[in-house]
């Protein structure tokens, strides 16, 4: 759910910004192809970057991680 005056993180924005070699390969591949899906498994199971790197990238780019005060009342 977007917050007024803010933008949401776009899928793979970090990967493209840091020029992840796996993401660059995905960008040049055909989405849905067997080779593409095989390469995607690297992202899912053996990402080349750490959560620490991703978290710090988010901070550097000014992103905020938020949730409702009462998650049950979305």
PDB file of N, CA and C in Angstrom:
ATOM      1  N   UNK A   1       0.847  -1.169   0.000  1.00  0.00           N
ATOM      2  CA  UNK A   1       0.000   0.000   0.000  1.00  0.00           C
ATOM      3  C   UNK A   1       0.898   1.239   0.000  1.00  0.00           C
ATOM      4  N   UNK A   2       0.851   2.017  -1.047  1.00  0.00           N
ATOM      5  CA  UNK A   2       1.680   3.223  -1.121  1.00  0.00           C
ATOM      6  C   UNK A   2       1.288   4.253  -0.060  1.00  0.00           C
ATOM      7  N   UNK A   3       2.265   5.012   0.376  1.00  0.00           N
ATOM      8  CA  UNK A   3       2.046   6.109   1.319  1.00  0.00           C
ATOM      9  C   UNK A   3       2.114   7.395   0.508  1.00  0.00           C
ATOM     10  N   UNK A   4       1.146   8.270   0.697  1.00  0.00           N
ATOM     11  CA  UNK A   4       1.084   9.519  -0.060  1.00  0.00           C
ATOM     12  C   UNK A   4       2.410  10.274   0.049  1.00  0.00           C
ATOM     13  N   UNK A   5       2.931  10.710  -1.089  1.00  0.00           N
ATOM     14  CA  UNK A   5       4.161  11.474  -1.118  1.00  0.00           C
ATOM     15  C   UNK A   5       5.427  10.633  -1.168  1.00  0.00           C
ATOM     16  N   UNK A   6       5.278   9.312  -1.199  1.00  0.00           N
ATOM     17  CA  UNK A   6       6.417   8.393  -1.233  1.00  0.00           C
ATOM     18  C   UNK A   6       6.289   7.459  -2.430  1.00  0.00           C
ATOM     19  N   UNK A   7       7.415   6.891  -2.850  1.00  0.00           N
ATOM     20  CA  UNK A   7       7.376   5.890  -3.912  1.00  0.00           C
ATOM     21  C   UNK A   7       7.748   4.537  -3.317  1.00  0.00           C
ATOM     22  N   UNK A   8       7.233   3.471  -3.901  1.00  0.00           N
ATOM     23  CA  UNK A   8       7.556   2.123  -3.460  1.00  0.00           C
ATOM     24  C   UNK A   8       8.830   1.640  -4.146  1.00  0.00           C
ATOM     25  N   UNK A   9       9.514   0.749  -3.476  1.00  0.00           N
ATOM     26  CA  UNK A   9      10.677   0.089  -4.053  1.00  0.00           C
ATOM     27  C   UNK A   9      10.210  -0.719  -5.261  1.00  0.00           C
ATOM     28  N   UNK A  10      10.939  -0.606  -6.357  1.00  0.00           N
ATOM     29  CA  UNK A  10      10.594  -1.358  -7.553  1.00  0.00           C
ATOM     30  C   UNK A  10      11.397  -2.658  -7.579  1.00  0.00           C
ATOM     31  N   UNK A  11      10.745  -3.707  -8.011  1.00  0.00           N
ATOM     32  CA  UNK A  11      11.354  -5.026  -8.086  1.00  0.00           C
ATOM     33  C   UNK A  11      12.734  -4.954  -8.752  1.00  0.00           C
ATOM     34  N   UNK A  12      13.724  -5.522  -8.085  1.00  0.00           N
ATOM     35  CA  UNK A  12      15.101  -5.629  -8.565  1.00  0.00           C
ATOM     36  C   UNK A  12      15.823  -4.287  -8.756  1.00  0.00           C
ATOM     37  N   UNK A  13      15.316  -3.252  -8.135  1.00  0.00           N
ATOM     38  CA  UNK A  13      15.941  -1.930  -8.229  1.00  0.00           C
ATOM     39  C   UNK A  13      17.371  -1.968  -7.682  1.00  0.00           C
ATOM     40  N   UNK A  14      17.539  -2.609  -6.541  1.00  0.00           N
ATOM     41  CA  UNK A  14      18.870  -2.758  -5.948  1.00  0.00           C
ATOM     42  C   UNK A  14      19.787  -3.523  -6.902  1.00  0.00           C
ATOM     43  N   UNK A  15      19.319  -4.643  -7.395  1.00  0.00           N
ATOM     44  CA  UNK A  15      20.125  -5.509  -8.264  1.00  0.00           C
ATOM     45  C   UNK A  15      20.611  -4.758  -9.497  1.00  0.00           C
ATOM     46  N   UNK A  16      19.724  -3.983 -10.097  1.00  0.00           N
ATOM     47  CA  UNK A  16      20.109  -3.211 -11.277  1.00  0.00           C
ATOM     48  C   UNK A  16      21.060  -2.076 -10.918  1.00  0.00           C
ATOM     49  N   UNK A  17      20.831  -1.423  -9.787  1.00  0.00           N
ATOM     50  CA  UNK A  17      21.664  -0.290  -9.393  1.00  0.00           C
ATOM     51  C   UNK A  17      23.096  -0.711  -9.089  1.00  0.00           C
ATOM     52  N   UNK A  18      23.265  -1.867  -8.432  1.00  0.00           N
ATOM     53  CA  UNK A  18      24.617  -2.333  -8.090  1.00  0.00           C
ATOM     54  C   UNK A  18      25.230  -3.154  -9.220  1.00  0.00           C
ATOM     55  N   UNK A  19      24.500  -3.242 -10.314  1.00  0.00           N
ATOM     56  CA  UNK A  19      24.954  -3.977 -11.499  1.00  0.00           C
ATOM     57  C   UNK A  19      25.344  -5.419 -11.175  1.00  0.00           C
ATOM     58  N   UNK A  20      24.433  -6.096 -10.482  1.00  0.00           N
ATOM     59  CA  UNK A  20      24.623  -7.502 -10.146  1.00  0.00           C
ATOM     60  C   UNK A  20      24.810  -8.300 -11.439  1.00  0.00           C
ATOM     61  N   UNK A  21      25.865  -9.116 -11.532  1.00  0.00           N
ATOM     62  CA  UNK A  21      26.107  -9.869 -12.760  1.00  0.00           C
ATOM     63  C   UNK A  21      24.972 -10.832 -13.101  1.00  0.00           C
ATOM     64  N   UNK A  22      24.330 -11.369 -12.084  1.00  0.00           N
ATOM     65  CA  UNK A  22      23.198 -12.274 -12.332  1.00  0.00           C
ATOM     66  C   UNK A  22      22.030 -11.475 -12.901  1.00  0.00           C
ATOM     67  N   UNK A  23      21.780 -10.294 -12.344  1.00  0.00           N
ATOM     68  CA  UNK A  23      20.692  -9.454 -12.850  1.00  0.00           C
ATOM     69  C   UNK A  23      20.972  -9.001 -14.270  1.00  0.00           C
ATOM     70  N   UNK A  24      22.218  -8.663 -14.572  1.00  0.00           N
ATOM     71  CA  UNK A  24      22.565  -8.256 -15.935  1.00  0.00           C
ATOM     72  C   UNK A  24      22.294  -9.390 -16.917  1.00  0.00           C
ATOM     73  N   UNK A  25      22.566 -10.606 -16.492  1.00  0.00           N
ATOM     74  CA  UNK A  25      22.270 -11.775 -17.333  1.00  0.00           C
ATOM     75  C   UNK A  25      20.763 -11.927 -17.514  1.00  0.00           C
ATOM     76  N   UNK A  26      20.011 -11.737 -16.443  1.00  0.00           N
ATOM     77  CA  UNK A  26      18.546 -11.820 -16.544  1.00  0.00           C
ATOM     78  C   UNK A  26      18.010 -10.739 -17.475  1.00  0.00           C
ATOM     79  N   UNK A  27      18.565  -9.547 -17.386  1.00  0.00           N
ATOM     80  CA  UNK A  27      18.109  -8.441 -18.229  1.00  0.00           C
ATOM     81  C   UNK A  27      18.299  -8.737 -19.705  1.00  0.00           C
ATOM     82  N   UNK A  28      19.309  -9.522 -20.024  1.00  0.00           N
ATOM     83  CA  UNK A  28      19.561  -9.820 -21.440  1.00  0.00           C
ATOM     84  C   UNK A  28      18.859 -11.100 -21.896  1.00  0.00           C
ATOM     85  N   UNK A  29      18.238 -11.807 -20.951  1.00  0.00           N
ATOM     86  CA  UNK A  29      17.560 -13.059 -21.289  1.00  0.00           C
ATOM     87  C   UNK A  29      16.093 -12.859 -21.613  1.00  0.00           C
ATOM     88  N   UNK A  30      15.484 -13.942 -22.039  1.00  0.00           N
ATOM     89  CA  UNK A  30      14.056 -13.926 -22.364  1.00  0.00           C
ATOM     90  C   UNK A  30      13.275 -14.444 -21.168  1.00  0.00           C
ATOM     91  N   UNK A  31      12.502 -13.546 -20.554  1.00  0.00           N
ATOM     92  CA  UNK A  31      11.732 -13.909 -19.367  1.00  0.00           C
ATOM     93  C   UNK A  31      10.854 -15.118 -19.653  1.00  0.00           C
ATOM     94  N   UNK A  32      10.910 -16.082 -18.736  1.00  0.00           N
ATOM     95  CA  UNK A  32      10.098 -17.287 -18.875  1.00  0.00           C
ATOM     96  C   UNK A  32      10.811 -18.434 -19.565  1.00  0.00           C
ATOM     97  N   UNK A  33      11.925 -18.155 -20.234  1.00  0.00           N
ATOM     98  CA  UNK A  33      12.664 -19.224 -20.912  1.00  0.00           C
ATOM     99  C   UNK A  33      13.302 -20.136 -19.867  1.00  0.00           C
ATOM    100  N   UNK A  34      13.686 -21.310 -20.291  1.00  0.00           N
ATOM    101  CA  UNK A  34      14.306 -22.275 -19.378  1.00  0.00           C
ATOM    102  C   UNK A  34      15.608 -21.715 -18.797  1.00  0.00           C
ATOM    103  N   UNK A  35      16.427 -21.089 -19.640  1.00  0.00           N
ATOM    104  CA  UNK A  35      17.699 -20.510 -19.194  1.00  0.00           C
ATOM    105  C   UNK A  35      17.459 -19.367 -18.199  1.00  0.00           C
ATOM    106  N   UNK A  36      16.460 -18.540 -18.463  1.00  0.00           N
ATOM    107  CA  UNK A  36      16.116 -17.424 -17.586  1.00  0.00           C
ATOM    108  C   UNK A  36      15.729 -17.962 -16.203  1.00  0.00           C
ATOM    109  N   UNK A  37      14.867 -18.959 -16.191  1.00  0.00           N
ATOM    110  CA  UNK A  37      14.410 -19.521 -14.916  1.00  0.00           C
ATOM    111  C   UNK A  37      15.558 -20.184 -14.158  1.00  0.00           C
ATOM    112  N   UNK A  38      16.466 -20.789 -14.871  1.00  0.00           N
ATOM    113  CA  UNK A  38      17.643 -21.402 -14.255  1.00  0.00           C
ATOM    114  C   UNK A  38      18.501 -20.317 -13.587  1.00  0.00           C
ATOM    115  N   UNK A  39      18.686 -19.214 -14.279  1.00  0.00           N
ATOM    116  CA  UNK A  39      19.469 -18.090 -13.740  1.00  0.00           C
ATOM    117  C   UNK A  39      18.760 -17.473 -12.541  1.00  0.00           C
ATOM    118  N   UNK A  40      17.442 -17.387 -12.595  1.00  0.00           N
ATOM    119  CA  UNK A  40      16.673 -16.823 -11.472  1.00  0.00           C
ATOM    120  C   UNK A  40      16.888 -17.603 -10.190  1.00  0.00           C
ATOM    121  N   UNK A  41      17.140 -18.887 -10.324  1.00  0.00           N
ATOM    122  CA  UNK A  41      17.371 -19.716  -9.135  1.00  0.00           C
ATOM    123  C   UNK A  41      18.615 -19.257  -8.369  1.00  0.00           C
ATOM    124  N   UNK A  42      19.580 -18.670  -9.079  1.00  0.00           N
ATOM    125  CA  UNK A  42      20.760 -18.125  -8.396  1.00  0.00           C
ATOM    126  C   UNK A  42      20.325 -17.018  -7.453  1.00  0.00           C
ATOM    127  N   UNK A  43      19.441 -16.148  -7.930  1.00  0.00           N
ATOM    128  CA  UNK A  43      18.930 -15.062  -7.081  1.00  0.00           C
ATOM    129  C   UNK A  43      18.201 -15.619  -5.863  1.00  0.00           C
ATOM    130  N   UNK A  44      17.406 -16.604  -6.083  1.00  0.00           N
ATOM    131  CA  UNK A  44      16.591 -17.167  -4.997  1.00  0.00           C
ATOM    132  C   UNK A  44      17.418 -17.925  -3.968  1.00  0.00           C
ATOM    133  N   UNK A  45      18.430 -18.648  -4.429  1.00  0.00           N
ATOM    134  CA  UNK A  45      19.137 -19.573  -3.543  1.00  0.00           C
ATOM    135  C   UNK A  45      20.568 -19.195  -3.216  1.00  0.00           C
ATOM    136  N   UNK A  46      21.179 -18.322  -3.989  1.00  0.00           N
ATOM    137  CA  UNK A  46      22.590 -18.004  -3.767  1.00  0.00           C
ATOM    138  C   UNK A  46      22.898 -16.565  -4.180  1.00  0.00           C
ATOM    139  N   UNK A  47      22.130 -15.634  -3.654  1.00  0.00           N
ATOM    140  CA  UNK A  47      22.323 -14.223  -3.988  1.00  0.00           C
ATOM    141  C   UNK A  47      23.765 -13.820  -3.731  1.00  0.00           C
ATOM    142  N   UNK A  48      24.312 -13.014  -4.632  1.00  0.00           N
ATOM    143  CA  UNK A  48      25.703 -12.567  -4.539  1.00  0.00           C
ATOM    144  C   UNK A  48      25.888 -11.446  -3.512  1.00  0.00           C
ATOM    145  N   UNK A  49      24.797 -10.904  -2.998  1.00  0.00           N
ATOM    146  CA  UNK A  49      24.843  -9.792  -2.054  1.00  0.00           C
ATOM    147  C   UNK A  49      24.203 -10.199  -0.734  1.00  0.00           C
ATOM    148  N   UNK A  50      24.559  -9.480   0.324  1.00  0.00           N
ATOM    149  CA  UNK A  50      24.043  -9.789   1.660  1.00  0.00           C
ATOM    150  C   UNK A  50      22.856  -8.890   2.001  1.00  0.00           C
ATOM    151  N   UNK A  51      22.108  -9.299   2.991  1.00  0.00           N
ATOM    152  CA  UNK A  51      21.012  -8.453   3.464  1.00  0.00           C
ATOM    153  C   UNK A  51      21.571  -7.156   4.032  1.00  0.00           C
ATOM    154  N   UNK A  52      22.773  -7.209   4.628  1.00  0.00           N
ATOM    155  CA  UNK A  52      23.419  -6.009   5.153  1.00  0.00           C
ATOM    156  C   UNK A  52      23.652  -5.009   4.021  1.00  0.00           C
ATOM    157  N   UNK A  53      24.162  -5.485   2.878  1.00  0.00           N
ATOM    158  CA  UNK A  53      24.398  -4.604   1.729  1.00  0.00           C
ATOM    159  C   UNK A  53      23.085  -4.021   1.220  1.00  0.00           C
ATOM    160  N   UNK A  54      22.058  -4.852   1.127  1.00  0.00           N
ATOM    161  CA  UNK A  54      20.750  -4.389   0.655  1.00  0.00           C
ATOM    162  C   UNK A  54      20.175  -3.363   1.623  1.00  0.00           C
ATOM    163  N   UNK A  55      20.224  -3.659   2.905  1.00  0.00           N
ATOM    164  CA  UNK A  55      19.688  -2.760   3.922  1.00  0.00           C
ATOM    165  C   UNK A  55      20.389  -1.398   3.864  1.00  0.00           C
ATOM    166  N   UNK A  56      21.703  -1.407   3.772  1.00  0.00           N
ATOM    167  CA  UNK A  56      22.454  -0.152   3.702  1.00  0.00           C
ATOM    168  C   UNK A  56      22.179   0.600   2.411  1.00  0.00           C
ATOM    169  N   UNK A  57      21.989  -0.115   1.326  1.00  0.00           N
ATOM    170  CA  UNK A  57      21.628   0.522   0.054  1.00  0.00           C
ATOM    171  C   UNK A  57      20.285   1.235   0.203  1.00  0.00           C
ATOM    172  N   UNK A  58      19.316   0.564   0.856  1.00  0.00           N
ATOM    173  CA  UNK A  58      18.007   1.184   1.080  1.00  0.00           C
ATOM    174  C   UNK A  58      18.154   2.495   1.860  1.00  0.00           C
ATOM    175  N   UNK A  59      18.957   2.471   2.908  1.00  0.00           N
ATOM    176  CA  UNK A  59      19.172   3.662   3.726  1.00  0.00           C
ATOM    177  C   UNK A  59      19.817   4.765   2.892  1.00  0.00           C
ATOM    178  N   UNK A  60      20.859   4.420   2.131  1.00  0.00           N
ATOM    179  CA  UNK A  60      21.554   5.408   1.292  1.00  0.00           C
ATOM    180  C   UNK A  60      20.616   6.049   0.273  1.00  0.00           C
ATOM    181  N   UNK A  61      19.656   5.284  -0.222  1.00  0.00           N
ATOM    182  CA  UNK A  61      18.720   5.788  -1.226  1.00  0.00           C
ATOM    183  C   UNK A  61      17.511   6.480  -0.599  1.00  0.00           C
ATOM    184  N   UNK A  62      17.434   6.495   0.737  1.00  0.00           N
ATOM    185  CA  UNK A  62      16.358   7.193   1.428  1.00  0.00           C
ATOM    186  C   UNK A  62      15.084   6.399   1.609  1.00  0.00           C
ATOM    187  N   UNK A  63      15.153   5.084   1.414  1.00  0.00           N
ATOM    188  CA  UNK A  63      13.959   4.255   1.600  1.00  0.00           C
ATOM    189  C   UNK A  63      13.668   4.068   3.082  1.00  0.00           C
ATOM    190  N   UNK A  64      12.398   3.916   3.391  1.00  0.00           N
ATOM    191  CA  UNK A  64      11.942   3.624   4.743  1.00  0.00           C
ATOM    192  C   UNK A  64      11.244   2.278   4.727  1.00  0.00           C
ATOM    193  N   UNK A  65      11.422   1.508   5.778  1.00  0.00           N
ATOM    194  CA  UNK A  65      10.704   0.250   5.916  1.00  0.00           C
ATOM    195  C   UNK A  65       9.651   0.502   6.981  1.00  0.00           C
ATOM    196  N   UNK A  66       8.393   0.391   6.594  1.00  0.00           N
ATOM    197  CA  UNK A  66       7.312   0.696   7.528  1.00  0.00           C
ATOM    198  C   UNK A  66       6.299  -0.444   7.569  1.00  0.00           C
ATOM    199  N   UNK A  67       5.530  -0.453   8.651  1.00  0.00           N
ATOM    200  CA  UNK A  67       4.404  -1.381   8.785  1.00  0.00           C
ATOM    201  C   UNK A  67       3.336  -0.688   9.636  1.00  0.00           C
ATOM    202  N   UNK A  68       2.114  -1.156   9.555  1.00  0.00           N
ATOM    203  CA  UNK A  68       1.068  -0.543  10.373  1.00  0.00           C
ATOM    204  C   UNK A  68       1.360  -0.766  11.865  1.00  0.00           C
ATOM    205  N   UNK A  69       0.900   0.165  12.699  1.00  0.00           N
ATOM    206  CA  UNK A  69       1.094   0.003  14.148  1.00  0.00           C
ATOM    207  C   UNK A  69       0.458  -1.299  14.626  1.00  0.00           C
ATOM    208  N   UNK A  70      -0.722  -1.584  14.102  1.00  0.00           N
ATOM    209  CA  UNK A  70      -1.420  -2.811  14.462  1.00  0.00           C
ATOM    210  C   UNK A  70      -1.587  -3.626  13.165  1.00  0.00           C
ATOM    211  N   UNK A  71      -0.666  -4.557  12.883  1.00  0.00           N
ATOM    212  CA  UNK A  71      -0.700  -5.283  11.620  1.00  0.00           C
ATOM    213  C   UNK A  71      -2.004  -6.039  11.370  1.00  0.00           C
ATOM    214  N   UNK A  72      -2.758  -6.317  12.427  1.00  0.00           N
ATOM    215  CA  UNK A  72      -4.025  -7.025  12.273  1.00  0.00           C
ATOM    216  C   UNK A  72      -5.110  -6.120  11.669  1.00  0.00           C
ATOM    217  N   UNK A  73      -4.927  -4.788  11.745  1.00  0.00           N
ATOM    218  CA  UNK A  73      -5.894  -3.841  11.217  1.00  0.00           C
ATOM    219  C   UNK A  73      -5.380  -3.180   9.947  1.00  0.00           C
ATOM    220  N   UNK A  74      -4.906  -3.960   9.023  1.00  0.00           N
ATOM    221  CA  UNK A  74      -4.343  -3.435   7.777  1.00  0.00           C
ATOM    222  C   UNK A  74      -5.263  -2.472   7.192  1.00  0.00           C
TER     223      UNK A  74
END
